[in-house]
Amino acid sequence: MVKNAVDAGGRIYADPMDHGWMYGHSFEDIDGHQWEVAYMDITAFPQPENN
């Protein structure tokens, strides 16, 4: 999605974030609107430790 936005004239305004179970990226469209795209793999979500 970010690549398509950049190819259409937008720009990346922040580095992507990769936390293993969650990935996010940001872009600005040609009108100046900023978009945040995120994906979460809930099966890889860190589980709390049981004490």
PDB file of N, CA and C in Angstrom:
ATOM      1  N   MET A   1       0.820  -1.178   0.000  1.00  0.00           N
ATOM      2  CA  MET A   1       0.000   0.000   0.000  1.00  0.00           C
ATOM      3  C   MET A   1       0.875   1.257   0.000  1.00  0.00           C
ATOM      4  N   VAL A   2       1.905   1.252   0.851  1.00  0.00           N
ATOM      5  CA  VAL A   2       2.792   2.420   0.923  1.00  0.00           C
ATOM      6  C   VAL A   2       3.512   2.619  -0.406  1.00  0.00           C
ATOM      7  N   LYS A   3       3.982   1.526  -1.007  1.00  0.00           N
ATOM      8  CA  LYS A   3       4.673   1.630  -2.301  1.00  0.00           C
ATOM      9  C   LYS A   3       3.741   2.225  -3.358  1.00  0.00           C
ATOM     10  N   ASN A   4       2.489   1.770  -3.380  1.00  0.00           N
ATOM     11  CA  ASN A   4       1.522   2.311  -4.345  1.00  0.00           C
ATOM     12  C   ASN A   4       1.299   3.799  -4.124  1.00  0.00           C
ATOM     13  N   ALA A   5       1.213   4.226  -2.869  1.00  0.00           N
ATOM     14  CA  ALA A   5       1.005   5.640  -2.565  1.00  0.00           C
ATOM     15  C   ALA A   5       2.202   6.474  -3.022  1.00  0.00           C
ATOM     16  N   VAL A   6       3.404   5.982  -2.777  1.00  0.00           N
ATOM     17  CA  VAL A   6       4.613   6.701  -3.197  1.00  0.00           C
ATOM     18  C   VAL A   6       4.696   6.745  -4.721  1.00  0.00           C
ATOM     19  N   ASP A   7       4.388   5.626  -5.376  1.00  0.00           N
ATOM     20  CA  ASP A   7       4.406   5.592  -6.845  1.00  0.00           C
ATOM     21  C   ASP A   7       3.401   6.566  -7.449  1.00  0.00           C
ATOM     22  N   ALA A   8       2.329   6.883  -6.718  1.00  0.00           N
ATOM     23  CA  ALA A   8       1.292   7.796  -7.206  1.00  0.00           C
ATOM     24  C   ALA A   8       1.584   9.254  -6.849  1.00  0.00           C
ATOM     25  N   GLY A   9       2.743   9.516  -6.223  1.00  0.00           N
ATOM     26  CA  GLY A   9       3.102  10.899  -5.920  1.00  0.00           C
ATOM     27  C   GLY A   9       3.159  11.239  -4.449  1.00  0.00           C
ATOM     28  N   GLY A  10       2.823  10.288  -3.583  1.00  0.00           N
ATOM     29  CA  GLY A  10       2.905  10.530  -2.144  1.00  0.00           C
ATOM     30  C   GLY A  10       4.339  10.404  -1.662  1.00  0.00           C
ATOM     31  N   ARG A  11       4.504  10.473  -0.349  1.00  0.00           N
ATOM     32  CA  ARG A  11       5.850  10.335   0.205  1.00  0.00           C
ATOM     33  C   ARG A  11       5.788   9.634   1.553  1.00  0.00           C
ATOM     34  N   ILE A  12       6.873   8.957   1.881  1.00  0.00           N
ATOM     35  CA  ILE A  12       7.014   8.331   3.192  1.00  0.00           C
ATOM     36  C   ILE A  12       7.446   9.419   4.170  1.00  0.00           C
ATOM     37  N   TYR A  13       6.776   9.539   5.307  1.00  0.00           N
ATOM     38  CA  TYR A  13       7.160  10.572   6.271  1.00  0.00           C
ATOM     39  C   TYR A  13       7.687  10.008   7.585  1.00  0.00           C
ATOM     40  N   ALA A  14       7.654   8.682   7.743  1.00  0.00           N
ATOM     41  CA  ALA A  14       8.189   8.065   8.960  1.00  0.00           C
ATOM     42  C   ALA A  14       8.713   6.681   8.604  1.00  0.00           C
ATOM     43  N   ASP A  15       9.734   6.241   9.307  1.00  0.00           N
ATOM     44  CA  ASP A  15      10.284   4.907   9.090  1.00  0.00           C
ATOM     45  C   ASP A  15       9.273   3.850   9.500  1.00  0.00           C
ATOM     46  N   PRO A  16       9.294   2.697   8.826  1.00  0.00           N
ATOM     47  CA  PRO A  16       8.404   1.608   9.241  1.00  0.00           C
ATOM     48  C   PRO A  16       8.781   1.085  10.622  1.00  0.00           C
ATOM     49  N   MET A  17       7.794   0.532  11.325  1.00  0.00           N
ATOM     50  CA  MET A  17       8.006  -0.064  12.654  1.00  0.00           C
ATOM     51  C   MET A  17       7.713  -1.550  12.546  1.00  0.00           C
ATOM     52  N   ASP A  18       8.668  -2.387  12.931  1.00  0.00           N
ATOM     53  CA  ASP A  18       8.473  -3.828  12.884  1.00  0.00           C
ATOM     54  C   ASP A  18       8.772  -4.398  14.263  1.00  0.00           C
ATOM     55  N   HIS A  19       7.730  -4.854  14.948  1.00  0.00           N
ATOM     56  CA  HIS A  19       7.863  -5.404  16.297  1.00  0.00           C
ATOM     57  C   HIS A  19       7.729  -6.926  16.296  1.00  0.00           C
ATOM     58  N   GLY A  20       7.844  -7.535  15.109  1.00  0.00           N
ATOM     59  CA  GLY A  20       7.696  -8.985  15.003  1.00  0.00           C
ATOM     60  C   GLY A  20       6.251  -9.398  14.827  1.00  0.00           C
ATOM     61  N   TRP A  21       5.420  -9.117  15.810  1.00  0.00           N
ATOM     62  CA  TRP A  21       3.997  -9.472  15.745  1.00  0.00           C
ATOM     63  C   TRP A  21       3.149  -8.328  15.195  1.00  0.00           C
ATOM     64  N   MET A  22       3.752  -7.128  15.097  1.00  0.00           N
ATOM     65  CA  MET A  22       3.032  -5.959  14.590  1.00  0.00           C
ATOM     66  C   MET A  22       3.950  -5.164  13.667  1.00  0.00           C
ATOM     67  N   TYR A  23       3.385  -4.702  12.538  1.00  0.00           N
ATOM     68  CA  TYR A  23       4.138  -3.911  11.574  1.00  0.00           C
ATOM     69  C   TYR A  23       3.323  -2.672  11.246  1.00  0.00           C
ATOM     70  N   GLY A  24       3.982  -1.541  11.172  1.00  0.00           N
ATOM     71  CA  GLY A  24       3.311  -0.302  10.806  1.00  0.00           C
ATOM     72  C   GLY A  24       4.165   0.534   9.878  1.00  0.00           C
ATOM     73  N   HIS A  25       3.520   1.289   9.013  1.00  0.00           N
ATOM     74  CA  HIS A  25       4.229   2.165   8.080  1.00  0.00           C
ATOM     75  C   HIS A  25       3.351   3.397   7.860  1.00  0.00           C
ATOM     76  N   SER A  26       3.962   4.488   7.433  1.00  0.00           N
ATOM     77  CA  SER A  26       3.252   5.752   7.288  1.00  0.00           C
ATOM     78  C   SER A  26       3.565   6.387   5.945  1.00  0.00           C
ATOM     79  N   PHE A  27       2.572   7.077   5.400  1.00  0.00           N
ATOM     80  CA  PHE A  27       2.815   7.842   4.183  1.00  0.00           C
ATOM     81  C   PHE A  27       1.917   9.076   4.164  1.00  0.00           C
ATOM     82  N   GLU A  28       2.301  10.012   3.325  1.00  0.00           N
ATOM     83  CA  GLU A  28       1.520  11.236   3.122  1.00  0.00           C
ATOM     84  C   GLU A  28       1.055  11.232   1.678  1.00  0.00           C
ATOM     85  N   ASP A  29      -0.248  11.433   1.444  1.00  0.00           N
ATOM     86  CA  ASP A  29      -0.756  11.437   0.079  1.00  0.00           C
ATOM     87  C   ASP A  29      -0.482  12.791  -0.589  1.00  0.00           C
ATOM     88  N   ILE A  30      -0.856  12.908  -1.851  1.00  0.00           N
ATOM     89  CA  ILE A  30      -0.529  14.122  -2.606  1.00  0.00           C
ATOM     90  C   ILE A  30      -1.265  15.359  -2.105  1.00  0.00           C
ATOM     91  N   ASP A  31      -2.313  15.169  -1.302  1.00  0.00           N
ATOM     92  CA  ASP A  31      -3.048  16.291  -0.724  1.00  0.00           C
ATOM     93  C   ASP A  31      -2.514  16.679   0.658  1.00  0.00           C
ATOM     94  N   GLY A  32      -1.499  15.949   1.135  1.00  0.00           N
ATOM     95  CA  GLY A  32      -0.915  16.247   2.434  1.00  0.00           C
ATOM     96  C   GLY A  32      -1.521  15.487   3.596  1.00  0.00           C
ATOM     97  N   HIS A  33      -2.481  14.592   3.314  1.00  0.00           N
ATOM     98  CA  HIS A  33      -3.076  13.789   4.386  1.00  0.00           C
ATOM     99  C   HIS A  33      -2.104  12.690   4.794  1.00  0.00           C
ATOM    100  N   GLN A  34      -1.941  12.481   6.082  1.00  0.00           N
ATOM    101  CA  GLN A  34      -1.035  11.461   6.586  1.00  0.00           C
ATOM    102  C   GLN A  34      -1.819  10.208   6.957  1.00  0.00           C
ATOM    103  N   TRP A  35      -1.282   9.075   6.537  1.00  0.00           N
ATOM    104  CA  TRP A  35      -1.933   7.783   6.743  1.00  0.00           C
ATOM    105  C   TRP A  35      -1.007   6.874   7.527  1.00  0.00           C
ATOM    106  N   GLU A  36      -1.581   6.084   8.424  1.00  0.00           N
ATOM    107  CA  GLU A  36      -0.852   5.089   9.216  1.00  0.00           C
ATOM    108  C   GLU A  36      -1.447   3.727   8.873  1.00  0.00           C
ATOM    109  N   VAL A  37      -0.620   2.830   8.351  1.00  0.00           N
ATOM    110  CA  VAL A  37      -1.056   1.485   7.990  1.00  0.00           C
ATOM    111  C   VAL A  37      -0.454   0.522   9.005  1.00  0.00           C
ATOM    112  N   ALA A  38      -1.271  -0.389   9.538  1.00  0.00           N
ATOM    113  CA  ALA A  38      -0.770  -1.326  10.545  1.00  0.00           C
ATOM    114  C   ALA A  38      -1.312  -2.724  10.280  1.00  0.00           C
ATOM    115  N   TYR A  39      -0.501  -3.710  10.646  1.00  0.00           N
ATOM    116  CA  TYR A  39      -0.890  -5.111  10.578  1.00  0.00           C
ATOM    117  C   TYR A  39      -0.472  -5.778  11.883  1.00  0.00           C
ATOM    118  N   MET A  40      -1.378  -6.565  12.458  1.00  0.00           N
ATOM    119  CA  MET A  40      -1.056  -7.317  13.673  1.00  0.00           C
ATOM    120  C   MET A  40      -1.355  -8.791  13.452  1.00  0.00           C
ATOM    121  N   ASP A  41      -0.383  -9.639  13.816  1.00  0.00           N
ATOM    122  CA  ASP A  41      -0.568 -11.085  13.803  1.00  0.00           C
ATOM    123  C   ASP A  41      -0.860 -11.496  15.243  1.00  0.00           C
ATOM    124  N   ILE A  42      -2.135 -11.635  15.563  1.00  0.00           N
ATOM    125  CA  ILE A  42      -2.547 -11.899  16.941  1.00  0.00           C
ATOM    126  C   ILE A  42      -2.016 -13.244  17.442  1.00  0.00           C
ATOM    127  N   THR A  43      -1.748 -14.188  16.523  1.00  0.00           N
ATOM    128  CA  THR A  43      -1.204 -15.478  16.959  1.00  0.00           C
ATOM    129  C   THR A  43       0.231 -15.359  17.446  1.00  0.00           C
ATOM    130  N   ALA A  44       0.924 -14.296  17.062  1.00  0.00           N
ATOM    131  CA  ALA A  44       2.314 -14.086  17.481  1.00  0.00           C
ATOM    132  C   ALA A  44       2.419 -13.049  18.599  1.00  0.00           C
ATOM    133  N   PHE A  45       1.275 -12.574  19.100  1.00  0.00           N
ATOM    134  CA  PHE A  45       1.251 -11.569  20.155  1.00  0.00           C
ATOM    135  C   PHE A  45       1.962 -12.103  21.407  1.00  0.00           C
ATOM    136  N   PRO A  46       2.859 -11.310  21.992  1.00  0.00           N
ATOM    137  CA  PRO A  46       3.562 -11.778  23.193  1.00  0.00           C
ATOM    138  C   PRO A  46       2.588 -12.080  24.329  1.00  0.00           C
ATOM    139  N   GLN A  47       2.750 -13.222  24.960  1.00  0.00           N
ATOM    140  CA  GLN A  47       1.878 -13.635  26.045  1.00  0.00           C
ATOM    141  C   GLN A  47       2.504 -13.220  27.395  1.00  0.00           C
ATOM    142  N   PRO A  48       1.664 -12.802  28.349  1.00  0.00           N
ATOM    143  CA  PRO A  48       2.200 -12.440  29.655  1.00  0.00           C
ATOM    144  C   PRO A  48       2.729 -13.682  30.392  1.00  0.00           C
ATOM    145  N   GLU A  49       3.739 -13.464  31.187  1.00  0.00           N
ATOM    146  CA  GLU A  49       4.291 -14.565  31.970  1.00  0.00           C
ATOM    147  C   GLU A  49       3.389 -14.856  33.148  1.00  0.00           C
ATOM    148  N   ASN A  50       3.160 -16.128  33.434  1.00  0.00           N
ATOM    149  CA  ASN A  50       2.375 -16.525  34.614  1.00  0.00           C
ATOM    150  C   ASN A  50       3.315 -16.717  35.784  1.00  0.00           C
ATOM    151  N   ASN A  51       2.989 -16.116  36.904  1.00  0.00           N
ATOM    152  CA  ASN A  51       3.838 -16.259  38.096  1.00  0.00           C
ATOM    153  C   ASN A  51       3.298 -17.287  39.033  1.00  0.00           C
TER     154      ASN A  51
END
